[in-house]
Amino acid sequence: MRLLSTKLLAGTLAGSLLVAASASAQDRSDWPDNFTVGTASQGGTYFVYGSGWANLIADQLDLSGGGEVTGGPTQNLALVHGGDVAFGLTTMGPAADAVAGESPLAPGVAMDNVCALFPMYETPFSITALESSGIESISDIPDGASIGFGPAASTSDTYFPAMLETLGVDFDRRNGGWNDLGGQLQDGLIDVIAFAAGIPIPAVSQLEVQTDVNIIEFTEEEQAKVMEEFPVSEFWIPASTYETLEEDARAVAMWNFTIAGCDLPEDFVYEVTKLSLENNDRMRDVHRSAEFSVPENIQYNTVLPFHPGAVRWYEENGYEIPDDLKL
């Protein structure tokens, strides 16, 4: 048994060295010597996914890099466009607004230096309240309830308030990082948190450990109404996601993609894309939602052009990128 474990370890080490050696063999004269990935607030899936992905890239490509706390998808688009960070994470709704020059952070500025790399996962829009609140459905949310929508200008803050208004909910809007809002919910300072984040959401998992919560699903009618008005699709949160859930919960969701500055070197982005898509087991070690970070899901980006380095990897591996999504 010891011999088998040693062989497996040696094989894993050899594989890692081969990845690093392959990247080292490239001409790196125009590569950056460090990079940053724009994520979101601590306590959310973006922070865990983005920081873990940054560490994987840095370790395997022998570079200095890491994740940075940001305001989330909308701000990440602006940061990547401006060259303040090399990579970022975003959702397709804010991406469409940014390309059209309708970003709330830069009205009138078409963000044309943002390119897609690869799909991440779908972001469900979900609602959590304390069990003691008696709130078990969206219609139970009382008028004037204080609802935390995450960081200002995040995907949740951009879309969830409008969704709830469409469903007739009257509320007092609050912003903050997911960990901070989780603490406020537990302390009774807010009534509800409306999350838009990959599942499982770390802040919700932490709340479950500390207190009893209700994870509130959409009714079929509420789901249909929101899908008609917003760029979201049908989604079911699997019961296995949280201990609180006894059965799958109806929700809506929006796709997430990793993004990069379009002016980053093609060879560099090719290696980043190759590493990310050819090592899904390591990506799942970063966050289990990465099981959806596979090339088959590139179809869900119809907004951003793919970076030439990413296009090269997709085409080498038999995936077709539409001409209107190439630079």
C-alpha atoms as a PDB file:
ATOM      1  CA  MET A   1       0.000   0.000   0.000  1.00  0.00           C
ATOM      2  CA  ARG A   2       2.898   2.338   0.834  1.00  0.00           C
ATOM      3  CA  LEU A   3       4.513   1.543  -2.535  1.00  0.00           C
ATOM      4  CA  LEU A   4       1.284   2.328  -4.400  1.00  0.00           C
ATOM      5  CA  SER A   5       0.914   5.660  -2.618  1.00  0.00           C
ATOM      6  CA  THR A   6       4.509   6.546  -3.430  1.00  0.00           C
ATOM      7  CA  LYS A   7       3.976   5.758  -7.105  1.00  0.00           C
ATOM      8  CA  LEU A   8       0.825   7.849  -7.204  1.00  0.00           C
ATOM      9  CA  LEU A   9       2.623  10.733  -5.548  1.00  0.00           C
ATOM     10  CA  ALA A  10       5.500  10.442  -7.977  1.00  0.00           C
ATOM     11  CA  GLY A  11       3.105  10.392 -10.917  1.00  0.00           C
ATOM     12  CA  THR A  12       1.279  13.467  -9.661  1.00  0.00           C
ATOM     13  CA  LEU A  13       4.574  15.298  -9.092  1.00  0.00           C
ATOM     14  CA  ALA A  14       5.802  14.310 -12.536  1.00  0.00           C
ATOM     15  CA  GLY A  15       2.593  15.600 -14.108  1.00  0.00           C
ATOM     16  CA  SER A  16       2.959  18.917 -12.306  1.00  0.00           C
ATOM     17  CA  LEU A  17       6.560  19.223 -13.421  1.00  0.00           C
ATOM     18  CA  LEU A  18       5.583  18.481 -17.017  1.00  0.00           C
ATOM     19  CA  VAL A  19       2.978  21.273 -16.942  1.00  0.00           C
ATOM     20  CA  ALA A  20       5.491  23.706 -15.504  1.00  0.00           C
ATOM     21  CA  ALA A  21       8.236  22.556 -17.888  1.00  0.00           C
ATOM     22  CA  SER A  22       5.952  22.965 -20.894  1.00  0.00           C
ATOM     23  CA  ALA A  23       5.134  26.528 -19.863  1.00  0.00           C
ATOM     24  CA  SER A  24       8.795  27.283 -19.102  1.00  0.00           C
ATOM     25  CA  ALA A  25       9.768  26.180 -22.597  1.00  0.00           C
ATOM     26  CA  GLN A  26       7.658  29.005 -24.038  1.00  0.00           C
ATOM     27  CA  ASP A  27       9.201  32.316 -25.017  1.00  0.00           C
ATOM     28  CA  ARG A  28       8.138  34.407 -22.038  1.00  0.00           C
ATOM     29  CA  SER A  29       9.772  37.646 -23.097  1.00  0.00           C
ATOM     30  CA  ASP A  30       6.428  39.460 -23.298  1.00  0.00           C
ATOM     31  CA  TRP A  31       4.742  37.692 -20.378  1.00  0.00           C
ATOM     32  CA  PRO A  32       3.909  39.651 -17.221  1.00  0.00           C
ATOM     33  CA  ASP A  33       5.990  38.594 -14.214  1.00  0.00           C
ATOM     34  CA  ASN A  34       2.958  38.912 -11.931  1.00  0.00           C
ATOM     35  CA  PHE A  35      -0.826  39.117 -12.223  1.00  0.00           C
ATOM     36  CA  THR A  36      -3.966  39.771 -10.203  1.00  0.00           C
ATOM     37  CA  VAL A  37      -7.423  38.207 -10.461  1.00  0.00           C
ATOM     38  CA  GLY A  38     -10.370  40.451  -9.558  1.00  0.00           C
ATOM     39  CA  THR A  39     -12.794  38.401  -7.408  1.00  0.00           C
ATOM     40  CA  ALA A  40     -15.451  39.825  -5.029  1.00  0.00           C
ATOM     41  CA  SER A  41     -16.040  40.118  -1.285  1.00  0.00           C
ATOM     42  CA  GLN A  42     -14.823  37.535   1.197  1.00  0.00           C
ATOM     43  CA  GLY A  43     -17.479  34.969   2.084  1.00  0.00           C
ATOM     44  CA  GLY A  44     -18.666  34.624  -1.509  1.00  0.00           C
ATOM     45  CA  THR A  45     -17.874  31.966  -4.093  1.00  0.00           C
ATOM     46  CA  TYR A  46     -16.045  34.428  -6.377  1.00  0.00           C
ATOM     47  CA  PHE A  47     -13.430  35.065  -3.706  1.00  0.00           C
ATOM     48  CA  VAL A  48     -12.819  31.356  -3.090  1.00  0.00           C
ATOM     49  CA  TYR A  49     -12.873  30.395  -6.773  1.00  0.00           C
ATOM     50  CA  GLY A  50     -10.840  33.373  -7.997  1.00  0.00           C
ATOM     51  CA  SER A  51      -8.175  33.207  -5.307  1.00  0.00           C
ATOM     52  CA  GLY A  52      -7.778  29.447  -5.728  1.00  0.00           C
ATOM     53  CA  TRP A  53      -7.594  29.748  -9.519  1.00  0.00           C
ATOM     54  CA  ALA A  54      -4.980  32.521  -9.197  1.00  0.00           C
ATOM     55  CA  ASN A  55      -2.873  30.327  -6.927  1.00  0.00           C
ATOM     56  CA  LEU A  56      -3.115  27.402  -9.369  1.00  0.00           C
ATOM     57  CA  ILE A  57      -1.943  29.578 -12.271  1.00  0.00           C
ATOM     58  CA  ALA A  58       0.852  31.125 -10.222  1.00  0.00           C
ATOM     59  CA  ASP A  59       2.132  27.782  -8.947  1.00  0.00           C
ATOM     60  CA  GLN A  60       2.001  25.929 -12.265  1.00  0.00           C
ATOM     61  CA  LEU A  61       3.334  28.759 -14.455  1.00  0.00           C
ATOM     62  CA  ASP A  62       5.927  29.862 -11.898  1.00  0.00           C
ATOM     63  CA  LEU A  63       4.619  33.407 -11.633  1.00  0.00           C
ATOM     64  CA  SER A  64       3.656  35.730  -8.809  1.00  0.00           C
ATOM     65  CA  GLY A  65      -0.101  36.144  -8.657  1.00  0.00           C
ATOM     66  CA  GLY A  66      -3.171  36.133  -6.459  1.00  0.00           C
ATOM     67  CA  GLY A  67      -6.789  37.128  -6.000  1.00  0.00           C
ATOM     68  CA  GLU A  68      -7.943  40.605  -5.003  1.00  0.00           C
ATOM     69  CA  VAL A  69     -11.093  41.544  -3.098  1.00  0.00           C
ATOM     70  CA  THR A  70     -13.310  43.715  -5.324  1.00  0.00           C
ATOM     71  CA  GLY A  71     -16.908  44.809  -5.677  1.00  0.00           C
ATOM     72  CA  GLY A  72     -17.613  41.814  -7.921  1.00  0.00           C
ATOM     73  CA  PRO A  73     -18.535  41.293 -11.586  1.00  0.00           C
ATOM     74  CA  THR A  74     -19.331  44.880 -12.585  1.00  0.00           C
ATOM     75  CA  GLN A  75     -16.186  46.311 -11.033  1.00  0.00           C
ATOM     76  CA  ASN A  76     -14.077  43.430 -12.381  1.00  0.00           C
ATOM     77  CA  LEU A  77     -15.114  44.346 -15.926  1.00  0.00           C
ATOM     78  CA  ALA A  78     -13.956  47.925 -15.353  1.00  0.00           C
ATOM     79  CA  LEU A  79     -10.708  46.814 -13.692  1.00  0.00           C
ATOM     80  CA  VAL A  80      -9.832  44.423 -16.516  1.00  0.00           C
ATOM     81  CA  HIS A  81     -10.800  46.956 -19.182  1.00  0.00           C
ATOM     82  CA  GLY A  82      -8.561  49.577 -17.578  1.00  0.00           C
ATOM     83  CA  GLY A  83      -5.633  47.198 -17.106  1.00  0.00           C
ATOM     84  CA  ASP A  84      -5.751  47.451 -13.313  1.00  0.00           C
ATOM     85  CA  VAL A  85      -5.989  43.647 -13.073  1.00  0.00           C
ATOM     86  CA  ALA A  86      -5.054  41.032 -15.681  1.00  0.00           C
ATOM     87  CA  PHE A  87      -7.947  38.661 -15.010  1.00  0.00           C
ATOM     88  CA  GLY A  88     -11.359  38.777 -13.411  1.00  0.00           C
ATOM     89  CA  LEU A  89     -14.622  36.955 -12.903  1.00  0.00           C
ATOM     90  CA  THR A  90     -17.939  38.242 -14.214  1.00  0.00           C
ATOM     91  CA  THR A  91     -21.500  37.320 -15.107  1.00  0.00           C
ATOM     92  CA  MET A  92     -23.092  37.680 -18.515  1.00  0.00           C
ATOM     93  CA  GLY A  93     -25.638  40.343 -17.520  1.00  0.00           C
ATOM     94  CA  PRO A  94     -23.064  42.923 -16.376  1.00  0.00           C
ATOM     95  CA  ALA A  95     -20.834  41.904 -19.310  1.00  0.00           C
ATOM     96  CA  ALA A  96     -23.583  42.738 -21.809  1.00  0.00           C
ATOM     97  CA  ASP A  97     -24.106  46.110 -20.102  1.00  0.00           C
ATOM     98  CA  ALA A  98     -20.357  46.861 -20.156  1.00  0.00           C
ATOM     99  CA  VAL A  99     -19.976  46.057 -23.860  1.00  0.00           C
ATOM    100  CA  ALA A 100     -22.970  48.283 -24.639  1.00  0.00           C
ATOM    101  CA  GLY A 101     -21.514  51.182 -22.644  1.00  0.00           C
ATOM    102  CA  GLU A 102     -24.178  50.856 -19.988  1.00  0.00           C
ATOM    103  CA  SER A 103     -22.069  49.892 -16.985  1.00  0.00           C
ATOM    104  CA  PRO A 104     -23.200  51.850 -13.907  1.00  0.00           C
ATOM    105  CA  LEU A 105     -19.511  52.418 -13.102  1.00  0.00           C
ATOM    106  CA  ALA A 106     -18.702  54.011 -16.470  1.00  0.00           C
ATOM    107  CA  PRO A 107     -21.851  55.133 -18.320  1.00  0.00           C
ATOM    108  CA  GLY A 108     -21.222  55.701 -22.006  1.00  0.00           C
ATOM    109  CA  VAL A 109     -17.898  53.825 -22.038  1.00  0.00           C
ATOM    110  CA  ALA A 110     -17.971  50.668 -24.185  1.00  0.00           C
ATOM    111  CA  MET A 111     -15.548  48.313 -22.449  1.00  0.00           C
ATOM    112  CA  ASP A 112     -13.788  46.809 -25.471  1.00  0.00           C
ATOM    113  CA  ASN A 113     -10.625  45.593 -23.734  1.00  0.00           C
ATOM    114  CA  VAL A 114     -12.369  42.693 -21.996  1.00  0.00           C
ATOM    115  CA  CYS A 115     -12.117  39.180 -23.470  1.00  0.00           C
ATOM    116  CA  ALA A 116     -13.626  35.885 -22.316  1.00  0.00           C
ATOM    117  CA  LEU A 117     -11.485  32.894 -21.343  1.00  0.00           C
ATOM    118  CA  PHE A 118     -13.633  30.007 -20.135  1.00  0.00           C
ATOM    119  CA  PRO A 119     -17.001  29.291 -18.456  1.00  0.00           C
ATOM    120  CA  MET A 120     -17.128  29.003 -14.681  1.00  0.00           C
ATOM    121  CA  TYR A 121     -20.603  28.002 -13.486  1.00  0.00           C
ATOM    122  CA  GLU A 122     -24.122  29.335 -13.194  1.00  0.00           C
ATOM    123  CA  THR A 123     -24.864  31.815 -10.426  1.00  0.00           C
ATOM    124  CA  PRO A 124     -28.196  31.048  -8.764  1.00  0.00           C
ATOM    125  CA  PHE A 125     -30.175  33.883  -7.213  1.00  0.00           C
ATOM    126  CA  SER A 126     -31.224  32.622  -3.789  1.00  0.00           C
ATOM    127  CA  ILE A 127     -32.671  34.028  -0.586  1.00  0.00           C
ATOM    128  CA  THR A 128     -31.787  33.179   3.010  1.00  0.00           C
ATOM    129  CA  ALA A 129     -33.510  34.200   6.243  1.00  0.00           C
ATOM    130  CA  LEU A 130     -33.317  33.000   9.830  1.00  0.00           C
ATOM    131  CA  GLU A 131     -35.825  30.260  10.633  1.00  0.00           C
ATOM    132  CA  SER A 132     -36.914  32.318  13.646  1.00  0.00           C
ATOM    133  CA  SER A 133     -38.067  35.126  11.310  1.00  0.00           C
ATOM    134  CA  GLY A 134     -40.980  33.030  10.045  1.00  0.00           C
ATOM    135  CA  ILE A 135     -40.084  33.989   6.463  1.00  0.00           C
ATOM    136  CA  GLU A 136     -40.570  30.840   4.387  1.00  0.00           C
ATOM    137  CA  SER A 137     -41.400  32.308   0.971  1.00  0.00           C
ATOM    138  CA  ILE A 138     -40.856  35.496  -1.022  1.00  0.00           C
ATOM    139  CA  SER A 139     -44.450  36.529  -0.323  1.00  0.00           C
ATOM    140  CA  ASP A 140     -43.704  36.232   3.423  1.00  0.00           C
ATOM    141  CA  ILE A 141     -41.119  39.028   3.293  1.00  0.00           C
ATOM    142  CA  PRO A 142     -42.793  41.895   5.191  1.00  0.00           C
ATOM    143  CA  ASP A 143     -43.045  45.415   3.801  1.00  0.00           C
ATOM    144  CA  GLY A 144     -39.994  47.453   4.702  1.00  0.00           C
ATOM    145  CA  ALA A 145     -37.841  44.391   5.444  1.00  0.00           C
ATOM    146  CA  SER A 146     -34.115  45.107   5.402  1.00  0.00           C
ATOM    147  CA  ILE A 147     -32.481  43.001   2.689  1.00  0.00           C
ATOM    148  CA  GLY A 148     -28.740  42.614   2.117  1.00  0.00           C
ATOM    149  CA  PHE A 149     -27.860  42.490  -1.589  1.00  0.00           C
ATOM    150  CA  GLY A 150     -24.101  42.084  -1.362  1.00  0.00           C
ATOM    151  CA  PRO A 151     -21.470  44.629  -2.412  1.00  0.00           C
ATOM    152  CA  ALA A 152     -22.700  47.729  -4.258  1.00  0.00           C
ATOM    153  CA  ALA A 153     -22.766  47.226  -8.063  1.00  0.00           C
ATOM    154  CA  SER A 154     -22.337  43.457  -7.722  1.00  0.00           C
ATOM    155  CA  THR A 155     -24.474  41.113  -9.830  1.00  0.00           C
ATOM    156  CA  SER A 156     -26.763  40.554  -6.868  1.00  0.00           C
ATOM    157  CA  ASP A 157     -27.058  44.273  -6.142  1.00  0.00           C
ATOM    158  CA  THR A 158     -27.628  45.076  -9.829  1.00  0.00           C
ATOM    159  CA  TYR A 159     -30.370  42.540 -10.526  1.00  0.00           C
ATOM    160  CA  PHE A 160     -31.901  41.146  -7.326  1.00  0.00           C
ATOM    161  CA  PRO A 161     -33.549  44.392  -6.092  1.00  0.00           C
ATOM    162  CA  ALA A 162     -35.260  44.832  -9.464  1.00  0.00           C
ATOM    163  CA  MET A 163     -36.347  41.176  -9.435  1.00  0.00           C
ATOM    164  CA  LEU A 164     -37.920  41.515  -6.001  1.00  0.00           C
ATOM    165  CA  GLU A 165     -39.611  44.766  -6.980  1.00  0.00           C
ATOM    166  CA  THR A 166     -41.068  42.924  -9.987  1.00  0.00           C
ATOM    167  CA  LEU A 167     -42.431  40.350  -7.536  1.00  0.00           C
ATOM    168  CA  GLY A 168     -44.042  43.078  -5.408  1.00  0.00           C
ATOM    169  CA  VAL A 169     -41.598  43.061  -2.476  1.00  0.00           C
ATOM    170  CA  ASP A 170     -41.145  46.364  -0.612  1.00  0.00           C
ATOM    171  CA  PHE A 171     -37.766  46.534   1.152  1.00  0.00           C
ATOM    172  CA  ASP A 172     -35.000  48.599   2.691  1.00  0.00           C
ATOM    173  CA  ARG A 173     -31.835  48.013   0.648  1.00  0.00           C
ATOM    174  CA  ARG A 174     -28.528  47.192   2.372  1.00  0.00           C
ATOM    175  CA  ASN A 175     -25.064  46.528   0.929  1.00  0.00           C
ATOM    176  CA  GLY A 176     -21.945  44.853   2.248  1.00  0.00           C
ATOM    177  CA  GLY A 177     -19.653  41.864   1.902  1.00  0.00           C
ATOM    178  CA  TRP A 178     -21.282  38.439   2.205  1.00  0.00           C
ATOM    179  CA  ASN A 179     -19.516  37.563   5.468  1.00  0.00           C
ATOM    180  CA  ASP A 180     -20.533  40.903   6.972  1.00  0.00           C
ATOM    181  CA  LEU A 181     -24.148  40.498   5.863  1.00  0.00           C
ATOM    182  CA  GLY A 182     -24.205  36.965   7.242  1.00  0.00           C
ATOM    183  CA  GLY A 183     -23.143  38.316  10.615  1.00  0.00           C
ATOM    184  CA  GLN A 184     -25.801  41.036  10.439  1.00  0.00           C
ATOM    185  CA  LEU A 185     -28.484  38.465   9.630  1.00  0.00           C
ATOM    186  CA  GLN A 186     -27.442  36.282  12.546  1.00  0.00           C
ATOM    187  CA  ASP A 187     -27.452  39.309  14.889  1.00  0.00           C
ATOM    188  CA  GLY A 188     -30.915  40.386  13.744  1.00  0.00           C
ATOM    189  CA  LEU A 189     -29.682  43.610  12.130  1.00  0.00           C
ATOM    190  CA  ILE A 190     -31.158  42.674   8.740  1.00  0.00           C
ATOM    191  CA  ASP A 191     -34.080  40.417   7.856  1.00  0.00           C
ATOM    192  CA  VAL A 192     -33.019  38.695   4.643  1.00  0.00           C
ATOM    193  CA  ILE A 193     -29.986  38.169   2.413  1.00  0.00           C
ATOM    194  CA  ALA A 194     -30.535  37.970  -1.344  1.00  0.00           C
ATOM    195  CA  PHE A 195     -27.535  36.134  -2.743  1.00  0.00           C
ATOM    196  CA  ALA A 196     -26.237  35.854  -6.279  1.00  0.00           C
ATOM    197  CA  ALA A 197     -23.238  33.564  -5.932  1.00  0.00           C
ATOM    198  CA  GLY A 198     -22.023  30.136  -6.953  1.00  0.00           C
ATOM    199  CA  ILE A 199     -23.133  27.329  -4.705  1.00  0.00           C
ATOM    200  CA  PRO A 200     -22.443  26.342  -2.032  1.00  0.00           C
ATOM    201  CA  ILE A 201     -22.140  29.918  -0.806  1.00  0.00           C
ATOM    202  CA  PRO A 202     -19.545  29.923   2.013  1.00  0.00           C
ATOM    203  CA  ALA A 203     -21.489  32.473   4.052  1.00  0.00           C
ATOM    204  CA  VAL A 204     -24.658  30.344   3.951  1.00  0.00           C
ATOM    205  CA  SER A 205     -22.753  27.186   4.852  1.00  0.00           C
ATOM    206  CA  GLN A 206     -21.271  29.036   7.817  1.00  0.00           C
ATOM    207  CA  LEU A 207     -24.693  30.307   8.906  1.00  0.00           C
ATOM    208  CA  GLU A 208     -26.071  26.754   8.844  1.00  0.00           C
ATOM    209  CA  VAL A 209     -23.402  25.693  11.324  1.00  0.00           C
ATOM    210  CA  GLN A 210     -24.245  28.506  13.716  1.00  0.00           C
ATOM    211  CA  THR A 211     -28.043  28.829  13.529  1.00  0.00           C
ATOM    212  CA  ASP A 212     -31.220  27.567  11.854  1.00  0.00           C
ATOM    213  CA  VAL A 213     -31.955  29.174   8.500  1.00  0.00           C
ATOM    214  CA  ASN A 214     -34.580  29.028   5.749  1.00  0.00           C
ATOM    215  CA  ILE A 215     -33.365  28.877   2.164  1.00  0.00           C
ATOM    216  CA  ILE A 216     -36.271  30.359   0.249  1.00  0.00           C
ATOM    217  CA  GLU A 217     -37.141  29.216  -3.236  1.00  0.00           C
ATOM    218  CA  PHE A 218     -39.096  30.897  -6.019  1.00  0.00           C
ATOM    219  CA  THR A 219     -42.573  29.620  -6.791  1.00  0.00           C
ATOM    220  CA  GLU A 220     -43.131  28.423 -10.350  1.00  0.00           C
ATOM    221  CA  GLU A 221     -45.032  31.636 -11.128  1.00  0.00           C
ATOM    222  CA  GLU A 222     -42.362  33.866  -9.568  1.00  0.00           C
ATOM    223  CA  GLN A 223     -39.633  32.048 -11.491  1.00  0.00           C
ATOM    224  CA  ALA A 224     -41.479  32.462 -14.805  1.00  0.00           C
ATOM    225  CA  LYS A 225     -42.104  36.160 -14.200  1.00  0.00           C
ATOM    226  CA  VAL A 226     -38.444  36.871 -13.397  1.00  0.00           C
ATOM    227  CA  MET A 227     -37.221  34.872 -16.405  1.00  0.00           C
ATOM    228  CA  GLU A 228     -39.493  36.929 -18.639  1.00  0.00           C
ATOM    229  CA  GLU A 229     -38.077  40.226 -17.374  1.00  0.00           C
ATOM    230  CA  PHE A 230     -34.365  39.504 -16.790  1.00  0.00           C
ATOM    231  CA  PRO A 231     -31.395  37.749 -18.526  1.00  0.00           C
ATOM    232  CA  VAL A 232     -31.639  34.621 -16.361  1.00  0.00           C
ATOM    233  CA  SER A 233     -32.577  30.975 -16.860  1.00  0.00           C
ATOM    234  CA  GLU A 234     -34.306  28.252 -14.871  1.00  0.00           C
ATOM    235  CA  PHE A 235     -32.191  26.659 -12.146  1.00  0.00           C
ATOM    236  CA  TRP A 236     -32.639  24.157  -9.320  1.00  0.00           C
ATOM    237  CA  ILE A 237     -30.409  24.285  -6.233  1.00  0.00           C
ATOM    238  CA  PRO A 238     -29.675  20.613  -5.456  1.00  0.00           C
ATOM    239  CA  ALA A 239     -30.800  19.476  -2.003  1.00  0.00           C
ATOM    240  CA  SER A 240     -27.282  18.159  -1.401  1.00  0.00           C
ATOM    241  CA  THR A 241     -25.907  21.715  -1.507  1.00  0.00           C
ATOM    242  CA  TYR A 242     -26.969  22.624   2.028  1.00  0.00           C
ATOM    243  CA  GLU A 243     -27.947  20.635   5.114  1.00  0.00           C
ATOM    244  CA  THR A 244     -31.020  22.878   5.453  1.00  0.00           C
ATOM    245  CA  LEU A 245     -32.527  21.770   2.133  1.00  0.00           C
ATOM    246  CA  GLU A 246     -34.655  18.632   2.118  1.00  0.00           C
ATOM    247  CA  GLU A 247     -35.381  18.786  -1.630  1.00  0.00           C
ATOM    248  CA  ASP A 248     -34.173  20.707  -4.675  1.00  0.00           C
ATOM    249  CA  ALA A 249     -35.088  24.400  -4.525  1.00  0.00           C
ATOM    250  CA  ARG A 250     -36.412  26.336  -7.525  1.00  0.00           C
ATOM    251  CA  ALA A 251     -34.346  29.391  -8.493  1.00  0.00           C
ATOM    252  CA  VAL A 252     -33.032  31.375 -11.461  1.00  0.00           C
ATOM    253  CA  ALA A 253     -29.404  31.709 -12.552  1.00  0.00           C
ATOM    254  CA  MET A 254     -26.936  33.616 -14.733  1.00  0.00           C
ATOM    255  CA  TRP A 255     -23.704  32.238 -16.260  1.00  0.00           C
ATOM    256  CA  ASN A 256     -20.237  33.331 -15.108  1.00  0.00           C
ATOM    257  CA  PHE A 257     -17.040  33.492 -17.168  1.00  0.00           C
ATOM    258  CA  THR A 258     -13.418  34.253 -16.442  1.00  0.00           C
ATOM    259  CA  ILE A 259     -12.186  37.321 -18.300  1.00  0.00           C
ATOM    260  CA  ALA A 260      -8.853  38.827 -19.316  1.00  0.00           C
ATOM    261  CA  GLY A 261      -7.514  41.991 -20.830  1.00  0.00           C
ATOM    262  CA  CYS A 262      -7.628  41.542 -24.603  1.00  0.00           C
ATOM    263  CA  ASP A 263      -4.126  43.036 -24.833  1.00  0.00           C
ATOM    264  CA  LEU A 264      -2.491  40.286 -22.738  1.00  0.00           C
ATOM    265  CA  PRO A 265       0.069  38.198 -24.696  1.00  0.00           C
ATOM    266  CA  GLU A 266      -1.549  35.388 -26.698  1.00  0.00           C
ATOM    267  CA  ASP A 267       0.927  32.704 -25.585  1.00  0.00           C
ATOM    268  CA  PHE A 268       0.416  33.632 -21.927  1.00  0.00           C
ATOM    269  CA  VAL A 269      -3.379  33.419 -22.149  1.00  0.00           C
ATOM    270  CA  TYR A 270      -3.116  30.184 -24.155  1.00  0.00           C
ATOM    271  CA  GLU A 271      -1.154  28.586 -21.300  1.00  0.00           C
ATOM    272  CA  VAL A 272      -3.593  29.904 -18.684  1.00  0.00           C
ATOM    273  CA  THR A 273      -6.557  28.519 -20.655  1.00  0.00           C
ATOM    274  CA  LYS A 274      -4.825  25.187 -21.257  1.00  0.00           C
ATOM    275  CA  LEU A 275      -3.943  24.798 -17.589  1.00  0.00           C
ATOM    276  CA  SER A 276      -7.463  25.691 -16.457  1.00  0.00           C
ATOM    277  CA  LEU A 277      -9.396  23.481 -18.876  1.00  0.00           C
ATOM    278  CA  GLU A 278      -7.089  20.448 -18.917  1.00  0.00           C
ATOM    279  CA  ASN A 279      -6.979  20.121 -15.123  1.00  0.00           C
ATOM    280  CA  ASN A 280     -10.612  20.126 -14.048  1.00  0.00           C
ATOM    281  CA  ASP A 281      -9.834  17.892 -11.074  1.00  0.00           C
ATOM    282  CA  ARG A 282      -7.577  20.617  -9.681  1.00  0.00           C
ATOM    283  CA  MET A 283     -10.155  23.261 -10.480  1.00  0.00           C
ATOM    284  CA  ARG A 284     -12.761  21.266  -8.531  1.00  0.00           C
ATOM    285  CA  ASP A 285     -10.324  21.186  -5.615  1.00  0.00           C
ATOM    286  CA  VAL A 286     -10.476  24.993  -5.677  1.00  0.00           C
ATOM    287  CA  HIS A 287     -14.294  24.991  -5.532  1.00  0.00           C
ATOM    288  CA  ARG A 288     -16.700  22.221  -6.382  1.00  0.00           C
ATOM    289  CA  SER A 289     -18.724  24.495  -8.678  1.00  0.00           C
ATOM    290  CA  ALA A 290     -15.787  24.190 -11.095  1.00  0.00           C
ATOM    291  CA  GLU A 291     -17.304  20.898 -12.271  1.00  0.00           C
ATOM    292  CA  PHE A 292     -19.102  23.185 -14.740  1.00  0.00           C
ATOM    293  CA  SER A 293     -15.874  24.925 -15.809  1.00  0.00           C
ATOM    294  CA  VAL A 294     -15.615  22.819 -18.954  1.00  0.00           C
ATOM    295  CA  PRO A 295     -15.239  23.844 -22.611  1.00  0.00           C
ATOM    296  CA  GLU A 296     -18.658  22.467 -23.584  1.00  0.00           C
ATOM    297  CA  ASN A 297     -20.193  25.437 -21.761  1.00  0.00           C
ATOM    298  CA  ILE A 298     -18.560  28.134 -23.936  1.00  0.00           C
ATOM    299  CA  GLN A 299     -21.931  28.354 -25.715  1.00  0.00           C
ATOM    300  CA  TYR A 300     -23.269  30.440 -22.821  1.00  0.00           C
ATOM    301  CA  ASN A 301     -21.066  33.399 -23.754  1.00  0.00           C
ATOM    302  CA  THR A 302     -22.724  35.292 -26.594  1.00  0.00           C
ATOM    303  CA  VAL A 303     -21.481  38.710 -25.497  1.00  0.00           C
ATOM    304  CA  LEU A 304     -17.710  38.978 -25.074  1.00  0.00           C
ATOM    305  CA  PRO A 305     -15.074  38.148 -27.701  1.00  0.00           C
ATOM    306  CA  PHE A 306     -12.807  35.289 -26.684  1.00  0.00           C
ATOM    307  CA  HIS A 307      -9.138  36.142 -26.199  1.00  0.00           C
ATOM    308  CA  PRO A 308      -7.001  34.957 -29.169  1.00  0.00           C
ATOM    309  CA  GLY A 309      -5.003  32.746 -26.796  1.00  0.00           C
ATOM    310  CA  ALA A 310      -8.187  31.052 -25.615  1.00  0.00           C
ATOM    311  CA  VAL A 311      -9.463  30.728 -29.185  1.00  0.00           C
ATOM    312  CA  ARG A 312      -6.246  28.916 -30.136  1.00  0.00           C
ATOM    313  CA  TRP A 313      -6.755  26.337 -27.361  1.00  0.00           C
ATOM    314  CA  TYR A 314     -10.439  25.790 -28.228  1.00  0.00           C
ATOM    315  CA  GLU A 315      -9.769  25.329 -31.933  1.00  0.00           C
ATOM    316  CA  GLU A 316      -6.828  22.993 -31.306  1.00  0.00           C
ATOM    317  CA  ASN A 317      -9.181  20.846 -29.236  1.00  0.00           C
ATOM    318  CA  GLY A 318     -12.093  20.771 -31.683  1.00  0.00           C
ATOM    319  CA  TYR A 319     -14.302  23.530 -30.270  1.00  0.00           C
ATOM    320  CA  GLU A 320     -15.675  26.096 -32.680  1.00  0.00           C
ATOM    321  CA  ILE A 321     -15.768  29.771 -31.763  1.00  0.00           C
ATOM    322  CA  PRO A 322     -18.223  31.891 -33.830  1.00  0.00           C
ATOM    323  CA  ASP A 323     -16.525  34.528 -35.977  1.00  0.00           C
ATOM    324  CA  ASP A 324     -18.420  37.316 -34.229  1.00  0.00           C
ATOM    325  CA  LEU A 325     -16.780  36.279 -30.926  1.00  0.00           C
ATOM    326  CA  LYS A 326     -13.232  36.529 -32.290  1.00  0.00           C
ATOM    327  CA  LEU A 327     -11.127  39.698 -32.295  1.00  0.00           C
END
